[in-house]
Amino acid sequence: MPTQFTPVSALIGGALIGLAATWLLLSLGRIAGISGILNSTVDGDAGRGWRVAFLVGLVIAAGAWFAWSGAPGRHGFPLPWLIAGGLLVGFGTRLGNGCTSGHGICGLARLSKRSLLAVLVFMAAGFSTVYVLRHVIGGVA
């Protein structure tokens, strides 16, 4: 499956993510790590309201982008692969004590060495996964 290079939308999306992370840090003093926010919401920790609003905003923003852009949805992924991918992402965020947003956006911006190492591991795992799925297994991704 060919991929599309969309630098303008990627730049706009990156800027919006950076603004949202900055706003959360300046207004509430919180790091915008999505896995941590989701985990605290499920656990029922204090301050659940802003976390739910943040997560709902993520879903609404993604839906608004698809509705506005007219971008075709991606279909045809086997359900077992989606479930396995979701479980691996969850396992990886627990193992790495954070996700790509927490380490990659907020951690790197704070010059965290731990986040730099985590991002390098994320990237290496991503490159390896795409290579295996496209060139070893073939045609899955």
Foldseek 3Di string as FASTA:
>chain_A
DDDDDDVVVVVVVVVVLLVVQVCCCVPVVDGPFLLVLVVCLVVVHPPNVVSVVVVVVVVVVVVVCCVVVVDDDDDDADPVVVVVVVVVQNVLCVVLVTHCRRLVRVVVVVVHPSSVVSVVVVVVVVVVVVCCDPPVVRDND
